[in-house]
Amino acid sequence: MHEIKSTTGLTKPEAYRALHAQLAAVLAGERDGLANTANMAALLFQALPGLNWAGFYFMRDGGLVLGPFQGKVACIRIALGKGVCGTAARKRETIVVPDVEKFPGHIACDHASRSEIVLPLLHNGRLLGVLDLDSPSLARFDAEDAAGLQAAVKLLLDGSDLSRLAD
């Protein structure tokens, strides 16, 4: 069992170094994508301050379908190009949204969410899904978060077999 340590009080570079070390320990010796995404969602939710949702959506039947997450009950299916998740998936790029109310077509699964970051899960050119983090604070995420979370996604993709989770 792993003890998750909060990154509260650390600078962002320190926080992401600590997060990456914890994630590497959680993923060590396990390749199952379902288990690893479930643990990664829990780790992110517990270790990063200011989140109210952390989880995954996977490509299935031409759209995104809810995967492992931490937080309130979420939207189950999101069409490509819809909301922040669907837009990040369609564009295959990380999207940082400082104020979700200003994002055209934002899908409000939890009305408490005010900012969001979504990162595509790309493996060998194949879109497997997205990692989605929400916060009740405006402008919670920035370029440092994007870089730190992209490195975390790389750890996940390099250490896991996600092929059964996506079409």
C-alpha atoms as a PDB file:
ATOM      1  CA  MET A   1       0.000   0.000   0.000  1.00  0.00           C
ATOM      2  CA  HIS A   2       1.268   3.464  -0.874  1.00  0.00           C
ATOM      3  CA  GLU A   3       0.969   6.470   1.393  1.00  0.00           C
ATOM      4  CA  ILE A   4       0.035   9.459  -0.752  1.00  0.00           C
ATOM      5  CA  LYS A   5       1.719  12.697   0.236  1.00  0.00           C
ATOM      6  CA  SER A   6       0.070  16.010  -0.562  1.00  0.00           C
ATOM      7  CA  THR A   7       2.076  18.515  -2.549  1.00  0.00           C
ATOM      8  CA  THR A   8       0.474  21.457  -0.724  1.00  0.00           C
ATOM      9  CA  GLY A   9       3.048  24.111   0.134  1.00  0.00           C
ATOM     10  CA  LEU A  10       5.563  23.028  -2.514  1.00  0.00           C
ATOM     11  CA  THR A  11       6.474  25.070  -5.562  1.00  0.00           C
ATOM     12  CA  LYS A  12       5.006  23.640  -8.756  1.00  0.00           C
ATOM     13  CA  PRO A  13       8.338  22.171  -9.917  1.00  0.00           C
ATOM     14  CA  GLU A  14       8.810  20.551  -6.475  1.00  0.00           C
ATOM     15  CA  ALA A  15       5.197  19.356  -6.460  1.00  0.00           C
ATOM     16  CA  TYR A  16       5.500  17.663  -9.841  1.00  0.00           C
ATOM     17  CA  ARG A  17       8.844  16.051  -8.951  1.00  0.00           C
ATOM     18  CA  ALA A  18       7.187  14.615  -5.818  1.00  0.00           C
ATOM     19  CA  LEU A  19       4.092  13.582  -7.790  1.00  0.00           C
ATOM     20  CA  HIS A  20       6.169  11.839 -10.471  1.00  0.00           C
ATOM     21  CA  ALA A  21       8.118   9.903  -7.819  1.00  0.00           C
ATOM     22  CA  GLN A  22       4.876   8.797  -6.161  1.00  0.00           C
ATOM     23  CA  LEU A  23       3.316   7.860  -9.503  1.00  0.00           C
ATOM     24  CA  ALA A  24       6.373   5.836 -10.537  1.00  0.00           C
ATOM     25  CA  ALA A  25       6.145   3.927  -7.232  1.00  0.00           C
ATOM     26  CA  VAL A  26       2.422   3.263  -7.699  1.00  0.00           C
ATOM     27  CA  LEU A  27       2.910   2.047 -11.285  1.00  0.00           C
ATOM     28  CA  ALA A  28       6.015  -0.065 -10.555  1.00  0.00           C
ATOM     29  CA  GLY A  29       5.521  -3.692 -11.518  1.00  0.00           C
ATOM     30  CA  GLU A  30       1.933  -3.267 -12.767  1.00  0.00           C
ATOM     31  CA  ARG A  31       0.946  -2.928 -16.438  1.00  0.00           C
ATOM     32  CA  ASP A  32      -2.846  -3.261 -16.151  1.00  0.00           C
ATOM     33  CA  GLY A  33      -4.299  -0.067 -17.602  1.00  0.00           C
ATOM     34  CA  LEU A  34      -7.510  -0.129 -15.585  1.00  0.00           C
ATOM     35  CA  ALA A  35      -5.676  -0.561 -12.287  1.00  0.00           C
ATOM     36  CA  ASN A  36      -3.081   2.064 -13.173  1.00  0.00           C
ATOM     37  CA  THR A  37      -5.563   4.712 -14.326  1.00  0.00           C
ATOM     38  CA  ALA A  38      -7.666   4.130 -11.200  1.00  0.00           C
ATOM     39  CA  ASN A  39      -4.626   4.603  -8.980  1.00  0.00           C
ATOM     40  CA  MET A  40      -3.402   7.606 -10.967  1.00  0.00           C
ATOM     41  CA  ALA A  41      -6.786   9.334 -10.635  1.00  0.00           C
ATOM     42  CA  ALA A  42      -6.717   8.719  -6.867  1.00  0.00           C
ATOM     43  CA  LEU A  43      -3.111   9.909  -6.590  1.00  0.00           C
ATOM     44  CA  LEU A  44      -3.764  13.134  -8.502  1.00  0.00           C
ATOM     45  CA  PHE A  45      -6.937  13.842  -6.517  1.00  0.00           C
ATOM     46  CA  GLN A  46      -5.196  13.308  -3.177  1.00  0.00           C
ATOM     47  CA  ALA A  47      -1.781  14.812  -3.919  1.00  0.00           C
ATOM     48  CA  LEU A  48      -2.624  17.957  -5.891  1.00  0.00           C
ATOM     49  CA  PRO A  49      -4.340  20.737  -3.964  1.00  0.00           C
ATOM     50  CA  GLY A  50      -7.419  22.512  -5.250  1.00  0.00           C
ATOM     51  CA  LEU A  51      -9.040  19.739  -7.317  1.00  0.00           C
ATOM     52  CA  ASN A  52     -12.676  18.681  -7.235  1.00  0.00           C
ATOM     53  CA  TRP A  53     -12.412  16.044 -10.004  1.00  0.00           C
ATOM     54  CA  ALA A  54      -9.639  13.960 -11.545  1.00  0.00           C
ATOM     55  CA  GLY A  55     -10.165  11.168 -14.007  1.00  0.00           C
ATOM     56  CA  PHE A  56     -10.061   9.586 -17.409  1.00  0.00           C
ATOM     57  CA  TYR A  57     -12.244   9.266 -20.475  1.00  0.00           C
ATOM     58  CA  PHE A  58     -11.434   6.610 -23.084  1.00  0.00           C
ATOM     59  CA  MET A  59     -12.149   6.479 -26.816  1.00  0.00           C
ATOM     60  CA  ARG A  60     -14.997   4.073 -27.489  1.00  0.00           C
ATOM     61  CA  ASP A  61     -17.537   3.938 -30.293  1.00  0.00           C
ATOM     62  CA  GLY A  62     -16.231   7.182 -31.792  1.00  0.00           C
ATOM     63  CA  GLY A  63     -16.498   9.240 -28.591  1.00  0.00           C
ATOM     64  CA  LEU A  64     -15.214   9.523 -25.052  1.00  0.00           C
ATOM     65  CA  VAL A  65     -16.564   7.207 -22.347  1.00  0.00           C
ATOM     66  CA  LEU A  66     -16.015   7.714 -18.618  1.00  0.00           C
ATOM     67  CA  GLY A  67     -13.200   5.728 -17.012  1.00  0.00           C
ATOM     68  CA  PRO A  68     -11.689   5.676 -13.511  1.00  0.00           C
ATOM     69  CA  PHE A  69     -12.065   8.939 -11.592  1.00  0.00           C
ATOM     70  CA  GLN A  70     -12.230  10.642  -8.202  1.00  0.00           C
ATOM     71  CA  GLY A  71     -14.892  13.238  -7.429  1.00  0.00           C
ATOM     72  CA  LYS A  72     -18.617  13.675  -7.979  1.00  0.00           C
ATOM     73  CA  VAL A  73     -20.617  11.558 -10.413  1.00  0.00           C
ATOM     74  CA  ALA A  74     -19.617  12.586 -13.926  1.00  0.00           C
ATOM     75  CA  CYS A  75     -20.901  12.760 -17.467  1.00  0.00           C
ATOM     76  CA  ILE A  76     -20.657   9.292 -19.009  1.00  0.00           C
ATOM     77  CA  ARG A  77     -20.280  10.055 -22.726  1.00  0.00           C
ATOM     78  CA  ILE A  78     -18.732  13.078 -24.428  1.00  0.00           C
ATOM     79  CA  ALA A  79     -18.725  13.536 -28.193  1.00  0.00           C
ATOM     80  CA  LEU A  80     -15.500  14.486 -29.945  1.00  0.00           C
ATOM     81  CA  GLY A  81     -15.324  18.247 -30.305  1.00  0.00           C
ATOM     82  CA  LYS A  82     -17.776  18.860 -27.424  1.00  0.00           C
ATOM     83  CA  GLY A  83     -16.724  20.501 -24.170  1.00  0.00           C
ATOM     84  CA  VAL A  84     -13.123  20.766 -23.049  1.00  0.00           C
ATOM     85  CA  CYS A  85     -12.560  16.977 -23.080  1.00  0.00           C
ATOM     86  CA  GLY A  86     -13.995  16.458 -26.542  1.00  0.00           C
ATOM     87  CA  THR A  87     -12.095  19.457 -27.896  1.00  0.00           C
ATOM     88  CA  ALA A  88      -8.766  18.285 -26.433  1.00  0.00           C
ATOM     89  CA  ALA A  89      -9.410  14.825 -27.903  1.00  0.00           C
ATOM     90  CA  ARG A  90     -10.297  16.150 -31.348  1.00  0.00           C
ATOM     91  CA  LYS A  91      -7.330  18.556 -31.423  1.00  0.00           C
ATOM     92  CA  ARG A  92      -5.025  15.994 -29.753  1.00  0.00           C
ATOM     93  CA  GLU A  93      -3.545  18.722 -27.584  1.00  0.00           C
ATOM     94  CA  THR A  94      -3.555  19.825 -23.972  1.00  0.00           C
ATOM     95  CA  ILE A  95      -6.113  22.500 -23.200  1.00  0.00           C
ATOM     96  CA  VAL A  96      -5.908  24.764 -20.140  1.00  0.00           C
ATOM     97  CA  VAL A  97      -9.118  26.646 -19.344  1.00  0.00           C
ATOM     98  CA  PRO A  98      -8.785  29.364 -16.656  1.00  0.00           C
ATOM     99  CA  ASP A  99     -12.565  30.001 -16.557  1.00  0.00           C
ATOM    100  CA  VAL A 100     -14.829  27.217 -17.829  1.00  0.00           C
ATOM    101  CA  GLU A 101     -17.777  29.606 -18.097  1.00  0.00           C
ATOM    102  CA  LYS A 102     -15.910  31.367 -20.921  1.00  0.00           C
ATOM    103  CA  PHE A 103     -15.205  28.129 -22.844  1.00  0.00           C
ATOM    104  CA  PRO A 104     -17.693  27.770 -25.719  1.00  0.00           C
ATOM    105  CA  GLY A 105     -19.751  24.613 -25.279  1.00  0.00           C
ATOM    106  CA  HIS A 106     -18.395  23.766 -21.816  1.00  0.00           C
ATOM    107  CA  ILE A 107     -20.133  20.710 -20.337  1.00  0.00           C
ATOM    108  CA  ALA A 108     -20.855  21.287 -16.651  1.00  0.00           C
ATOM    109  CA  CYS A 109     -20.854  17.885 -14.956  1.00  0.00           C
ATOM    110  CA  ASP A 110     -20.174  19.627 -11.609  1.00  0.00           C
ATOM    111  CA  HIS A 111     -21.325  23.232 -11.415  1.00  0.00           C
ATOM    112  CA  ALA A 112     -18.676  23.909  -8.740  1.00  0.00           C
ATOM    113  CA  SER A 113     -15.893  23.509 -11.331  1.00  0.00           C
ATOM    114  CA  ARG A 114     -14.412  26.832 -12.424  1.00  0.00           C
ATOM    115  CA  SER A 115     -11.194  25.837 -14.230  1.00  0.00           C
ATOM    116  CA  GLU A 116     -10.043  22.744 -16.089  1.00  0.00           C
ATOM    117  CA  ILE A 117      -7.096  21.086 -17.800  1.00  0.00           C
ATOM    118  CA  VAL A 118      -7.431  18.187 -20.232  1.00  0.00           C
ATOM    119  CA  LEU A 119      -4.546  16.175 -21.661  1.00  0.00           C
ATOM    120  CA  PRO A 120      -4.837  13.703 -24.540  1.00  0.00           C
ATOM    121  CA  LEU A 121      -3.578  10.155 -24.058  1.00  0.00           C
ATOM    122  CA  LEU A 122      -1.616   9.509 -27.250  1.00  0.00           C
ATOM    123  CA  HIS A 123       0.305   6.278 -27.794  1.00  0.00           C
ATOM    124  CA  ASN A 124       2.118   5.656 -31.083  1.00  0.00           C
ATOM    125  CA  GLY A 125      -0.139   8.227 -32.764  1.00  0.00           C
ATOM    126  CA  ARG A 126      -3.317   6.567 -31.478  1.00  0.00           C
ATOM    127  CA  LEU A 127      -5.731   8.601 -29.348  1.00  0.00           C
ATOM    128  CA  LEU A 128      -6.686   6.410 -26.376  1.00  0.00           C
ATOM    129  CA  GLY A 129      -8.574   9.035 -24.388  1.00  0.00           C
ATOM    130  CA  VAL A 130      -7.978  12.030 -22.124  1.00  0.00           C
ATOM    131  CA  LEU A 131      -6.994  12.890 -18.570  1.00  0.00           C
ATOM    132  CA  ASP A 132      -9.313  15.546 -17.117  1.00  0.00           C
ATOM    133  CA  LEU A 133      -8.734  17.644 -13.981  1.00  0.00           C
ATOM    134  CA  ASP A 134     -11.217  20.179 -12.635  1.00  0.00           C
ATOM    135  CA  SER A 135     -10.924  22.789  -9.887  1.00  0.00           C
ATOM    136  CA  PRO A 136     -13.415  24.980  -8.031  1.00  0.00           C
ATOM    137  CA  SER A 137     -10.831  27.811  -8.282  1.00  0.00           C
ATOM    138  CA  LEU A 138     -10.469  30.123 -11.257  1.00  0.00           C
ATOM    139  CA  ALA A 139      -7.141  29.844 -13.100  1.00  0.00           C
ATOM    140  CA  ARG A 140      -5.993  26.838 -11.027  1.00  0.00           C
ATOM    141  CA  PHE A 141      -3.998  25.402 -13.965  1.00  0.00           C
ATOM    142  CA  ASP A 142      -1.200  26.921 -16.032  1.00  0.00           C
ATOM    143  CA  ALA A 143       1.687  25.964 -18.315  1.00  0.00           C
ATOM    144  CA  GLU A 144       3.653  24.479 -15.396  1.00  0.00           C
ATOM    145  CA  ASP A 145       0.700  22.191 -14.613  1.00  0.00           C
ATOM    146  CA  ALA A 146       0.443  21.249 -18.284  1.00  0.00           C
ATOM    147  CA  ALA A 147       4.136  20.283 -18.409  1.00  0.00           C
ATOM    148  CA  GLY A 148       4.006  18.404 -15.099  1.00  0.00           C
ATOM    149  CA  LEU A 149       0.857  16.516 -16.042  1.00  0.00           C
ATOM    150  CA  GLN A 150       2.176  15.713 -19.528  1.00  0.00           C
ATOM    151  CA  ALA A 151       5.190  14.073 -17.858  1.00  0.00           C
ATOM    152  CA  ALA A 152       2.811  12.136 -15.560  1.00  0.00           C
ATOM    153  CA  VAL A 153       0.784  10.977 -18.582  1.00  0.00           C
ATOM    154  CA  LYS A 154       4.029   9.811 -20.221  1.00  0.00           C
ATOM    155  CA  LEU A 155       4.836   7.738 -17.113  1.00  0.00           C
ATOM    156  CA  LEU A 156       1.366   6.186 -17.310  1.00  0.00           C
ATOM    157  CA  LEU A 157       1.570   5.443 -21.033  1.00  0.00           C
ATOM    158  CA  ASP A 158       5.089   4.029 -20.812  1.00  0.00           C
ATOM    159  CA  GLY A 159       4.226   1.808 -17.837  1.00  0.00           C
ATOM    160  CA  SER A 160       0.725   0.623 -18.721  1.00  0.00           C
ATOM    161  CA  ASP A 161      -1.209  -1.323 -21.301  1.00  0.00           C
ATOM    162  CA  LEU A 162      -4.254   0.842 -22.024  1.00  0.00           C
ATOM    163  CA  SER A 163      -5.160  -0.984 -25.244  1.00  0.00           C
ATOM    164  CA  ARG A 164      -8.149  -2.820 -23.714  1.00  0.00           C
ATOM    165  CA  LEU A 165      -9.661   0.435 -22.470  1.00  0.00           C
ATOM    166  CA  ALA A 166     -10.049   2.113 -25.863  1.00  0.00           C
ATOM    167  CA  ASP A 167     -11.303   1.051 -29.293  1.00  0.00           C
END
